[in-house]
Amino acid sequence: GIYGTIMGVAVVHAVLSLPVLTLIFRNYYKDIPQEIMSAAIMDSGSFW
């Protein structure tokens, strides 16, 4: 029900850009030291 609407155009843009942007963010974050993540988890850090 969003074809021909502004939200429909926005959703299509988001869907088409998601693969490339996800790869960009993943490559940026992948070399963050695992020790930082381990320390955060030990301090009761949740995902969010």
All heavy atoms as atom14 arrays in JSON, in Angstrom:
{
  "sequence": "GIYGTIMGVAVVHAVLSLPVLTLIFRNYYKDIPQEIMSAAIMDSGSFW",
  "atom14_mask": [
    [1, 1, 1, 1, 0, 0, 0, 0, 0, 0, 0, 0, 0, 0],
    [1, 1, 1, 1, 1, 1, 1, 1, 0, 0, 0, 0, 0, 0],
    [1, 1, 1, 1, 1, 1, 1, 1, 1, 1, 1, 1, 0, 0],
    [1, 1, 1, 1, 0, 0, 0, 0, 0, 0, 0, 0, 0, 0],
    [1, 1, 1, 1, 1, 1, 1, 0, 0, 0, 0, 0, 0, 0],
    [1, 1, 1, 1, 1, 1, 1, 1, 0, 0, 0, 0, 0, 0],
    [1, 1, 1, 1, 1, 1, 1, 1, 0, 0, 0, 0, 0, 0],
    [1, 1, 1, 1, 0, 0, 0, 0, 0, 0, 0, 0, 0, 0],
    [1, 1, 1, 1, 1, 1, 1, 0, 0, 0, 0, 0, 0, 0],
    [1, 1, 1, 1, 1, 0, 0, 0, 0, 0, 0, 0, 0, 0],
    [1, 1, 1, 1, 1, 1, 1, 0, 0, 0, 0, 0, 0, 0],
    [1, 1, 1, 1, 1, 1, 1, 0, 0, 0, 0, 0, 0, 0],
    [1, 1, 1, 1, 1, 1, 1, 1, 1, 1, 0, 0, 0, 0],
    [1, 1, 1, 1, 1, 0, 0, 0, 0, 0, 0, 0, 0, 0],
    [1, 1, 1, 1, 1, 1, 1, 0, 0, 0, 0, 0, 0, 0],
    [1, 1, 1, 1, 1, 1, 1, 1, 0, 0, 0, 0, 0, 0],
    [1, 1, 1, 1, 1, 1, 0, 0, 0, 0, 0, 0, 0, 0],
    [1, 1, 1, 1, 1, 1, 1, 1, 0, 0, 0, 0, 0, 0],
    [1, 1, 1, 1, 1, 1, 1, 0, 0, 0, 0, 0, 0, 0],
    [1, 1, 1, 1, 1, 1, 1, 0, 0, 0, 0, 0, 0, 0],
    [1, 1, 1, 1, 1, 1, 1, 1, 0, 0, 0, 0, 0, 0],
    [1, 1, 1, 1, 1, 1, 1, 0, 0, 0, 0, 0, 0, 0],
    [1, 1, 1, 1, 1, 1, 1, 1, 0, 0, 0, 0, 0, 0],
    [1, 1, 1, 1, 1, 1, 1, 1, 0, 0, 0, 0, 0, 0],
    [1, 1, 1, 1, 1, 1, 1, 1, 1, 1, 1, 0, 0, 0],
    [1, 1, 1, 1, 1, 1, 1, 1, 1, 1, 1, 0, 0, 0],
    [1, 1, 1, 1, 1, 1, 1, 1, 0, 0, 0, 0, 0, 0],
    [1, 1, 1, 1, 1, 1, 1, 1, 1, 1, 1, 1, 0, 0],
    [1, 1, 1, 1, 1, 1, 1, 1, 1, 1, 1, 1, 0, 0],
    [1, 1, 1, 1, 1, 1, 1, 1, 1, 0, 0, 0, 0, 0],
    [1, 1, 1, 1, 1, 1, 1, 1, 0, 0, 0, 0, 0, 0],
    [1, 1, 1, 1, 1, 1, 1, 1, 0, 0, 0, 0, 0, 0],
    [1, 1, 1, 1, 1, 1, 1, 0, 0, 0, 0, 0, 0, 0],
    [1, 1, 1, 1, 1, 1, 1, 1, 1, 0, 0, 0, 0, 0],
    [1, 1, 1, 1, 1, 1, 1, 1, 1, 0, 0, 0, 0, 0],
    [1, 1, 1, 1, 1, 1, 1, 1, 0, 0, 0, 0, 0, 0],
    [1, 1, 1, 1, 1, 1, 1, 1, 0, 0, 0, 0, 0, 0],
    [1, 1, 1, 1, 1, 1, 0, 0, 0, 0, 0, 0, 0, 0],
    [1, 1, 1, 1, 1, 0, 0, 0, 0, 0, 0, 0, 0, 0],
    [1, 1, 1, 1, 1, 0, 0, 0, 0, 0, 0, 0, 0, 0],
    [1, 1, 1, 1, 1, 1, 1, 1, 0, 0, 0, 0, 0, 0],
    [1, 1, 1, 1, 1, 1, 1, 1, 0, 0, 0, 0, 0, 0],
    [1, 1, 1, 1, 1, 1, 1, 1, 0, 0, 0, 0, 0, 0],
    [1, 1, 1, 1, 1, 1, 0, 0, 0, 0, 0, 0, 0, 0],
    [1, 1, 1, 1, 0, 0, 0, 0, 0, 0, 0, 0, 0, 0],
    [1, 1, 1, 1, 1, 1, 0, 0, 0, 0, 0, 0, 0, 0],
    [1, 1, 1, 1, 1, 1, 1, 1, 1, 1, 1, 0, 0, 0],
    [1, 1, 1, 1, 1, 1, 1, 1, 1, 1, 1, 1, 1, 1]
  ],
  "atom14_positions": [
    [[0.79, -1.23, 0.0], [0.0, 0.0, 0.0], [0.82, 1.27, 0.0], [0.29, 2.34, 0.32], [0.0, 0.0, 0.0], [0.0, 0.0, 0.0], [0.0, 0.0, 0.0], [0.0, 0.0, 0.0], [0.0, 0.0, 0.0], [0.0, 0.0, 0.0], [0.0, 0.0, 0.0], [0.0, 0.0, 0.0], [0.0, 0.0, 0.0], [0.0, 0.0, 0.0]],
    [[2.09, 1.19, -0.36], [2.93, 2.39, -0.34], [3.44, 2.77, -1.73], [4.24, 3.69, -1.87], [4.14, 2.2, 0.6], [4.97, 0.98, 0.19], [3.68, 2.07, 2.04], [6.25, 0.82, 1.0], [0.0, 0.0, 0.0], [0.0, 0.0, 0.0], [0.0, 0.0, 0.0], [0.0, 0.0, 0.0], [0.0, 0.0, 0.0], [0.0, 0.0, 0.0]],
    [[2.97, 2.06, -2.76], [3.41, 2.41, -4.11], [2.81, 3.77, -4.5], [1.64, 4.05, -4.25], [2.95, 1.35, -5.11], [3.38, 1.66, -6.53], [4.68, 1.43, -6.95], [2.48, 2.21, -7.45], [5.09, 1.72, -8.24], [2.88, 2.51, -8.74], [4.18, 2.26, -9.13], [4.59, 2.57, -10.41], [0.0, 0.0, 0.0], [0.0, 0.0, 0.0]],
    [[3.64, 4.61, -5.1], [3.19, 5.94, -5.49], [3.21, 6.95, -4.37], [2.69, 8.06, -4.52], [0.0, 0.0, 0.0], [0.0, 0.0, 0.0], [0.0, 0.0, 0.0], [0.0, 0.0, 0.0], [0.0, 0.0, 0.0], [0.0, 0.0, 0.0], [0.0, 0.0, 0.0], [0.0, 0.0, 0.0], [0.0, 0.0, 0.0], [0.0, 0.0, 0.0]],
    [[3.83, 6.61, -3.24], [3.92, 7.53, -2.09], [5.38, 7.86, -1.82], [6.3, 7.18, -2.28], [3.31, 6.91, -0.83], [4.1, 5.77, -0.43], [1.88, 6.45, -1.09], [0.0, 0.0, 0.0], [0.0, 0.0, 0.0], [0.0, 0.0, 0.0], [0.0, 0.0, 0.0], [0.0, 0.0, 0.0], [0.0, 0.0, 0.0], [0.0, 0.0, 0.0]],
    [[5.58, 8.92, -1.05], [6.94, 9.31, -0.66], [7.59, 8.21, 0.16], [8.78, 7.9, -0.01], [6.89, 10.65, 0.1], [6.61, 11.8, -0.88], [8.19, 10.88, 0.88], [6.49, 13.15, -0.24], [0.0, 0.0, 0.0], [0.0, 0.0, 0.0], [0.0, 0.0, 0.0], [0.0, 0.0, 0.0], [0.0, 0.0, 0.0], [0.0, 0.0, 0.0]],
    [[6.83, 7.59, 1.07], [7.38, 6.52, 1.88], [7.78, 5.33, 1.03], [8.77, 4.65, 1.3], [6.38, 6.1, 2.96], [6.9, 5.03, 3.9], [8.49, 5.46, 4.7], [7.99, 6.87, 5.69], [0.0, 0.0, 0.0], [0.0, 0.0, 0.0], [0.0, 0.0, 0.0], [0.0, 0.0, 0.0], [0.0, 0.0, 0.0], [0.0, 0.0, 0.0]],
    [[7.02, 5.06, -0.02], [7.37, 3.97, -0.93], [8.71, 4.19, -1.6], [9.54, 3.27, -1.68], [0.0, 0.0, 0.0], [0.0, 0.0, 0.0], [0.0, 0.0, 0.0], [0.0, 0.0, 0.0], [0.0, 0.0, 0.0], [0.0, 0.0, 0.0], [0.0, 0.0, 0.0], [0.0, 0.0, 0.0], [0.0, 0.0, 0.0], [0.0, 0.0, 0.0]],
    [[8.94, 5.42, -2.07], [10.24, 5.73, -2.68], [11.36, 5.61, -1.65], [12.44, 5.06, -1.94], [10.22, 7.15, -3.28], [11.56, 7.49, -3.93], [9.09, 7.29, -4.3], [0.0, 0.0, 0.0], [0.0, 0.0, 0.0], [0.0, 0.0, 0.0], [0.0, 0.0, 0.0], [0.0, 0.0, 0.0], [0.0, 0.0, 0.0], [0.0, 0.0, 0.0]],
    [[11.11, 6.07, -0.42], [12.13, 6.0, 0.63], [12.46, 4.56, 0.99], [13.63, 4.21, 1.18], [11.64, 6.76, 1.87], [0.0, 0.0, 0.0], [0.0, 0.0, 0.0], [0.0, 0.0, 0.0], [0.0, 0.0, 0.0], [0.0, 0.0, 0.0], [0.0, 0.0, 0.0], [0.0, 0.0, 0.0], [0.0, 0.0, 0.0], [0.0, 0.0, 0.0]],
    [[11.45, 3.7, 1.08], [11.68, 2.29, 1.42], [12.5, 1.61, 0.34], [13.43, 0.83, 0.63], [10.34, 1.57, 1.63], [10.54, 0.06, 1.68], [9.67, 2.05, 2.91], [0.0, 0.0, 0.0], [0.0, 0.0, 0.0], [0.0, 0.0, 0.0], [0.0, 0.0, 0.0], [0.0, 0.0, 0.0], [0.0, 0.0, 0.0], [0.0, 0.0, 0.0]],
    [[12.22, 1.89, -0.93], [12.99, 1.28, -2.02], [14.45, 1.73, -1.96], [15.37, 0.93, -2.14], [12.35, 1.61, -3.38], [13.25, 1.14, -4.52], [10.98, 0.97, -3.49], [0.0, 0.0, 0.0], [0.0, 0.0, 0.0], [0.0, 0.0, 0.0], [0.0, 0.0, 0.0], [0.0, 0.0, 0.0], [0.0, 0.0, 0.0], [0.0, 0.0, 0.0]],
    [[14.68, 3.01, -1.71], [16.06, 3.49, -1.55], [16.76, 2.76, -0.41], [17.94, 2.37, -0.55], [16.06, 5.0, -1.28], [15.96, 5.86, -2.49], [16.93, 5.86, -3.48], [15.01, 6.74, -2.9], [16.58, 6.71, -4.43], [15.43, 7.25, -4.1], [0.0, 0.0, 0.0], [0.0, 0.0, 0.0], [0.0, 0.0, 0.0], [0.0, 0.0, 0.0]],
    [[16.07, 2.59, 0.71], [16.69, 1.91, 1.86], [17.0, 0.46, 1.54], [18.09, -0.04, 1.88], [15.75, 2.0, 3.06], [0.0, 0.0, 0.0], [0.0, 0.0, 0.0], [0.0, 0.0, 0.0], [0.0, 0.0, 0.0], [0.0, 0.0, 0.0], [0.0, 0.0, 0.0], [0.0, 0.0, 0.0], [0.0, 0.0, 0.0], [0.0, 0.0, 0.0]],
    [[16.08, -0.23, 0.87], [16.3, -1.65, 0.53], [17.49, -1.8, -0.41], [18.35, -2.68, -0.22], [15.02, -2.23, -0.11], [15.3, -3.59, -0.73], [13.92, -2.34, 0.93], [0.0, 0.0, 0.0], [0.0, 0.0, 0.0], [0.0, 0.0, 0.0], [0.0, 0.0, 0.0], [0.0, 0.0, 0.0], [0.0, 0.0, 0.0], [0.0, 0.0, 0.0]],
    [[17.59, -0.95, -1.41], [18.65, -1.09, -2.4], [20.03, -0.73, -1.85], [21.05, -1.25, -2.3], [18.34, -0.21, -3.63], [17.11, -0.62, -4.44], [16.89, 0.37, -5.58], [17.26, -2.03, -4.99], [0.0, 0.0, 0.0], [0.0, 0.0, 0.0], [0.0, 0.0, 0.0], [0.0, 0.0, 0.0], [0.0, 0.0, 0.0], [0.0, 0.0, 0.0]],
    [[20.07, 0.16, -0.87], [21.37, 0.58, -0.32], [21.83, -0.28, 0.85], [23.0, -0.23, 1.24], [21.29, 2.04, 0.14], [20.34, 2.18, 1.18], [0.0, 0.0, 0.0], [0.0, 0.0, 0.0], [0.0, 0.0, 0.0], [0.0, 0.0, 0.0], [0.0, 0.0, 0.0], [0.0, 0.0, 0.0], [0.0, 0.0, 0.0], [0.0, 0.0, 0.0]],
    [[20.93, -1.1, 1.41], [21.26, -1.86, 2.61], [22.46, -2.8, 2.44], [23.32, -2.85, 3.32], [20.03, -2.65, 3.08], [20.15, -3.35, 4.43], [20.44, -2.34, 5.53], [18.85, -4.1, 4.74], [0.0, 0.0, 0.0], [0.0, 0.0, 0.0], [0.0, 0.0, 0.0], [0.0, 0.0, 0.0], [0.0, 0.0, 0.0], [0.0, 0.0, 0.0]],
    [[22.58, -3.56, 1.34], [23.74, -4.46, 1.23], [25.08, -3.73, 1.27], [25.99, -4.12, 2.02], [23.52, -5.15, -0.12], [22.06, -5.09, -0.35], [21.63, -3.78, 0.24], [0.0, 0.0, 0.0], [0.0, 0.0, 0.0], [0.0, 0.0, 0.0], [0.0, 0.0, 0.0], [0.0, 0.0, 0.0], [0.0, 0.0, 0.0], [0.0, 0.0, 0.0]],
    [[25.22, -2.68, 0.49], [26.5, -1.96, 0.44], [26.81, -1.3, 1.77], [27.94, -1.37, 2.28], [26.48, -0.91, -0.7], [27.73, -0.04, -0.65], [26.38, -1.6, -2.05], [0.0, 0.0, 0.0], [0.0, 0.0, 0.0], [0.0, 0.0, 0.0], [0.0, 0.0, 0.0], [0.0, 0.0, 0.0], [0.0, 0.0, 0.0], [0.0, 0.0, 0.0]],
    [[25.82, -0.64, 2.36], [26.06, 0.05, 3.64], [26.4, -0.94, 4.74], [27.25, -0.66, 5.6], [24.82, 0.87, 4.03], [24.49, 2.07, 3.14], [23.31, 2.83, 3.72], [25.69, 3.0, 2.98], [0.0, 0.0, 0.0], [0.0, 0.0, 0.0], [0.0, 0.0, 0.0], [0.0, 0.0, 0.0], [0.0, 0.0, 0.0], [0.0, 0.0, 0.0]],
    [[25.74, -2.09, 4.76], [26.05, -3.1, 5.77], [27.49, -3.57, 5.65], [28.21, -3.72, 6.65], [25.11, -4.3, 5.64], [23.76, -3.86, 5.84], [25.43, -5.36, 6.67], [0.0, 0.0, 0.0], [0.0, 0.0, 0.0], [0.0, 0.0, 0.0], [0.0, 0.0, 0.0], [0.0, 0.0, 0.0], [0.0, 0.0, 0.0], [0.0, 0.0, 0.0]],
    [[27.95, -3.8, 4.44], [29.34, -4.21, 4.22], [30.31, -3.12, 4.66], [31.37, -3.4, 5.23], [29.56, -4.56, 2.75], [28.84, -5.83, 2.26], [28.99, -5.97, 0.75], [29.39, -7.06, 2.96], [0.0, 0.0, 0.0], [0.0, 0.0, 0.0], [0.0, 0.0, 0.0], [0.0, 0.0, 0.0], [0.0, 0.0, 0.0], [0.0, 0.0, 0.0]],
    [[29.96, -1.86, 4.4], [30.83, -0.75, 4.82], [30.95, -0.72, 6.33], [32.07, -0.62, 6.89], [30.27, 0.58, 4.28], [30.44, 0.66, 2.76], [30.99, 1.77, 4.94], [29.8, 1.89, 2.14], [0.0, 0.0, 0.0], [0.0, 0.0, 0.0], [0.0, 0.0, 0.0], [0.0, 0.0, 0.0], [0.0, 0.0, 0.0], [0.0, 0.0, 0.0]],
    [[29.83, -0.78, 7.04], [29.87, -0.74, 8.51], [30.55, -1.98, 9.07], [31.33, -1.88, 10.04], [28.46, -0.61, 9.07], [27.9, 0.77, 9.01], [26.81, 1.06, 8.21], [28.45, 1.8, 9.75], [26.28, 2.34, 8.15], [27.94, 3.09, 9.71], [26.85, 3.35, 8.9], [0.0, 0.0, 0.0], [0.0, 0.0, 0.0], [0.0, 0.0, 0.0]],
    [[30.28, -3.13, 8.5], [30.9, -4.35, 9.0], [32.41, -4.28, 8.86], [33.16, -4.64, 9.79], [30.32, -5.55, 8.23], [30.79, -6.9, 8.76], [31.91, -7.47, 7.92], [32.38, -8.74, 8.44], [33.46, -9.36, 7.97], [34.16, -8.82, 6.99], [33.83, -10.51, 8.5], [0.0, 0.0, 0.0], [0.0, 0.0, 0.0], [0.0, 0.0, 0.0]],
    [[32.93, -3.82, 7.73], [34.38, -3.71, 7.53], [35.0, -2.66, 8.45], [36.15, -2.79, 8.85], [34.68, -3.37, 6.07], [34.41, -4.53, 5.15], [34.38, -5.68, 5.57], [34.17, -4.24, 3.88], [0.0, 0.0, 0.0], [0.0, 0.0, 0.0], [0.0, 0.0, 0.0], [0.0, 0.0, 0.0], [0.0, 0.0, 0.0], [0.0, 0.0, 0.0]],
    [[34.23, -1.64, 8.77], [34.74, -0.61, 9.68], [34.85, -1.12, 11.11], [35.79, -0.78, 11.84], [33.82, 0.61, 9.62], [34.32, 1.8, 10.4], [35.27, 2.66, 9.88], [33.81, 2.07, 11.68], [35.72, 3.76, 10.6], [34.25, 3.17, 12.4], [35.21, 4.01, 11.85], [35.66, 5.09, 12.57], [0.0, 0.0, 0.0], [0.0, 0.0, 0.0]],
    [[33.9, -1.95, 11.52], [33.86, -2.42, 12.91], [34.68, -3.69, 13.15], [34.97, -4.01, 14.3], [32.41, -2.71, 13.34], [31.54, -1.5, 13.42], [30.21, -1.55, 12.99], [32.0, -0.3, 13.94], [29.39, -0.45, 13.07], [31.19, 0.81, 14.01], [29.88, 0.73, 13.58], [29.07, 1.82, 13.66], [0.0, 0.0, 0.0], [0.0, 0.0, 0.0]],
    [[35.04, -4.4, 12.12], [35.58, -5.75, 12.33], [36.92, -5.76, 13.04], [37.28, -6.78, 13.65], [35.69, -6.48, 10.99], [36.78, -5.97, 10.08], [36.92, -6.84, 8.84], [38.07, -6.37, 7.96], [38.27, -7.25, 6.8], [0.0, 0.0, 0.0], [0.0, 0.0, 0.0], [0.0, 0.0, 0.0], [0.0, 0.0, 0.0], [0.0, 0.0, 0.0]],
    [[37.7, -4.68, 12.98], [39.01, -4.66, 13.62], [39.0, -3.99, 14.98], [40.06, -3.68, 15.53], [40.03, -3.97, 12.71], [40.43, -4.84, 11.52], [40.25, -6.06, 11.62], [40.9, -4.3, 10.51], [0.0, 0.0, 0.0], [0.0, 0.0, 0.0], [0.0, 0.0, 0.0], [0.0, 0.0, 0.0], [0.0, 0.0, 0.0], [0.0, 0.0, 0.0]],
    [[37.81, -3.72, 15.51], [37.75, -3.24, 16.9], [38.23, -4.37, 17.81], [37.79, -5.52, 17.68], [36.3, -2.84, 17.27], [35.89, -1.6, 16.48], [36.17, -2.61, 18.77], [34.47, -1.14, 16.74], [0.0, 0.0, 0.0], [0.0, 0.0, 0.0], [0.0, 0.0, 0.0], [0.0, 0.0, 0.0], [0.0, 0.0, 0.0], [0.0, 0.0, 0.0]],
    [[39.18, -4.11, 18.71], [39.74, -5.19, 19.54], [38.67, -5.97, 20.28], [37.75, -5.39, 20.88], [40.66, -4.44, 20.51], [41.02, -3.18, 19.78], [39.8, -2.81, 18.98], [0.0, 0.0, 0.0], [0.0, 0.0, 0.0], [0.0, 0.0, 0.0], [0.0, 0.0, 0.0], [0.0, 0.0, 0.0], [0.0, 0.0, 0.0], [0.0, 0.0, 0.0]],
    [[38.79, -7.29, 20.25], [37.82, -8.14, 20.92], [37.85, -7.94, 22.43], [36.85, -8.19, 23.12], [38.11, -9.61, 20.58], [37.04, -10.58, 21.06], [35.68, -10.3, 20.46], [35.57, -9.97, 19.29], [34.63, -10.43, 21.27], [0.0, 0.0, 0.0], [0.0, 0.0, 0.0], [0.0, 0.0, 0.0], [0.0, 0.0, 0.0], [0.0, 0.0, 0.0]],
    [[39.0, -7.47, 22.96], [39.1, -7.23, 24.4], [38.09, -6.18, 24.85], [37.55, -6.25, 25.97], [40.51, -6.76, 24.77], [41.58, -7.83, 24.65], [42.02, -8.05, 23.21], [41.57, -7.29, 22.33], [42.8, -9.0, 22.97], [0.0, 0.0, 0.0], [0.0, 0.0, 0.0], [0.0, 0.0, 0.0], [0.0, 0.0, 0.0], [0.0, 0.0, 0.0]],
    [[37.83, -5.17, 23.98], [36.84, -4.15, 24.34], [35.46, -4.78, 24.47], [34.72, -4.5, 25.42], [36.83, -3.03, 23.27], [38.17, -2.28, 23.28], [35.68, -2.06, 23.52], [38.26, -1.19, 22.25], [0.0, 0.0, 0.0], [0.0, 0.0, 0.0], [0.0, 0.0, 0.0], [0.0, 0.0, 0.0], [0.0, 0.0, 0.0], [0.0, 0.0, 0.0]],
    [[35.12, -5.65, 23.54], [33.82, -6.31, 23.59], [33.72, -7.23, 24.81], [32.69, -7.26, 25.5], [33.6, -7.11, 22.31], [33.37, -6.25, 21.08], [31.86, -5.28, 21.19], [30.64, -6.59, 21.24], [0.0, 0.0, 0.0], [0.0, 0.0, 0.0], [0.0, 0.0, 0.0], [0.0, 0.0, 0.0], [0.0, 0.0, 0.0], [0.0, 0.0, 0.0]],
    [[34.8, -7.97, 25.09], [34.78, -8.88, 26.24], [34.61, -8.12, 27.54], [33.83, -8.53, 28.43], [36.07, -9.7, 26.27], [36.22, -10.46, 25.09], [0.0, 0.0, 0.0], [0.0, 0.0, 0.0], [0.0, 0.0, 0.0], [0.0, 0.0, 0.0], [0.0, 0.0, 0.0], [0.0, 0.0, 0.0], [0.0, 0.0, 0.0], [0.0, 0.0, 0.0]],
    [[35.32, -6.99, 27.66], [35.19, -6.19, 28.88], [33.79, -5.61, 29.01], [33.22, -5.56, 30.11], [36.23, -5.07, 28.86], [0.0, 0.0, 0.0], [0.0, 0.0, 0.0], [0.0, 0.0, 0.0], [0.0, 0.0, 0.0], [0.0, 0.0, 0.0], [0.0, 0.0, 0.0], [0.0, 0.0, 0.0], [0.0, 0.0, 0.0], [0.0, 0.0, 0.0]],
    [[33.22, -5.18, 27.89], [31.87, -4.62, 27.93], [30.85, -5.68, 28.33], [29.93, -5.42, 29.12], [31.51, -4.02, 26.58], [0.0, 0.0, 0.0], [0.0, 0.0, 0.0], [0.0, 0.0, 0.0], [0.0, 0.0, 0.0], [0.0, 0.0, 0.0], [0.0, 0.0, 0.0], [0.0, 0.0, 0.0], [0.0, 0.0, 0.0], [0.0, 0.0, 0.0]],
    [[31.0, -6.9, 27.82], [30.07, -7.98, 28.16], [30.21, -8.36, 29.63], [29.22, -8.61, 30.33], [30.32, -9.19, 27.24], [29.96, -8.84, 25.79], [29.51, -10.39, 27.71], [30.33, -9.9, 24.79], [0.0, 0.0, 0.0], [0.0, 0.0, 0.0], [0.0, 0.0, 0.0], [0.0, 0.0, 0.0], [0.0, 0.0, 0.0], [0.0, 0.0, 0.0]],
    [[31.44, -8.37, 30.15], [31.66, -8.69, 31.56], [31.04, -7.64, 32.47], [30.64, -7.95, 33.6], [33.16, -8.81, 31.85], [33.8, -10.05, 31.24], [35.58, -10.12, 31.58], [35.55, -10.25, 33.37], [0.0, 0.0, 0.0], [0.0, 0.0, 0.0], [0.0, 0.0, 0.0], [0.0, 0.0, 0.0], [0.0, 0.0, 0.0], [0.0, 0.0, 0.0]],
    [[30.96, -6.41, 31.99], [30.33, -5.34, 32.77], [28.82, -5.32, 32.58], [28.17, -4.28, 32.79], [30.91, -3.98, 32.37], [32.34, -3.82, 32.85], [32.71, -4.53, 33.8], [33.07, -2.99, 32.28], [0.0, 0.0, 0.0], [0.0, 0.0, 0.0], [0.0, 0.0, 0.0], [0.0, 0.0, 0.0], [0.0, 0.0, 0.0], [0.0, 0.0, 0.0]],
    [[28.27, -6.46, 32.18], [26.81, -6.62, 31.99], [26.28, -5.74, 30.87], [25.16, -5.21, 30.93], [26.06, -6.32, 33.29], [26.49, -7.17, 34.31], [0.0, 0.0, 0.0], [0.0, 0.0, 0.0], [0.0, 0.0, 0.0], [0.0, 0.0, 0.0], [0.0, 0.0, 0.0], [0.0, 0.0, 0.0], [0.0, 0.0, 0.0], [0.0, 0.0, 0.0]],
    [[27.1, -5.57, 29.85], [26.65, -4.79, 28.7], [25.8, -5.64, 27.77], [26.22, -6.71, 27.33], [0.0, 0.0, 0.0], [0.0, 0.0, 0.0], [0.0, 0.0, 0.0], [0.0, 0.0, 0.0], [0.0, 0.0, 0.0], [0.0, 0.0, 0.0], [0.0, 0.0, 0.0], [0.0, 0.0, 0.0], [0.0, 0.0, 0.0], [0.0, 0.0, 0.0]],
    [[24.61, -5.19, 27.49], [23.74, -5.89, 26.56], [24.1, -5.47, 25.13], [24.93, -4.58, 24.9], [22.28, -5.56, 26.84], [22.03, -4.17, 26.62], [0.0, 0.0, 0.0], [0.0, 0.0, 0.0], [0.0, 0.0, 0.0], [0.0, 0.0, 0.0], [0.0, 0.0, 0.0], [0.0, 0.0, 0.0], [0.0, 0.0, 0.0], [0.0, 0.0, 0.0]],
    [[23.46, -6.11, 24.17], [23.7, -5.8, 22.75], [23.48, -4.31, 22.48], [24.32, -3.64, 21.89], [22.75, -6.65, 21.9], [22.87, -6.42, 20.42], [23.73, -7.18, 19.64], [22.12, -5.43, 19.8], [23.85, -6.96, 18.27], [22.22, -5.21, 18.43], [23.09, -5.98, 17.67], [0.0, 0.0, 0.0], [0.0, 0.0, 0.0], [0.0, 0.0, 0.0]],
    [[22.34, -3.79, 22.94], [22.01, -2.41, 22.63], [22.8, -1.43, 23.49], [23.12, -0.32, 23.02], [20.51, -2.18, 22.82], [19.69, -2.9, 21.8], [18.89, -3.99, 22.0], [19.6, -2.59, 20.4], [18.31, -4.38, 20.81], [18.73, -3.55, 19.82], [20.19, -1.62, 19.59], [18.41, -3.54, 18.46], [19.88, -1.6, 18.23], [19.0, -2.55, 17.68]]
  ]
}
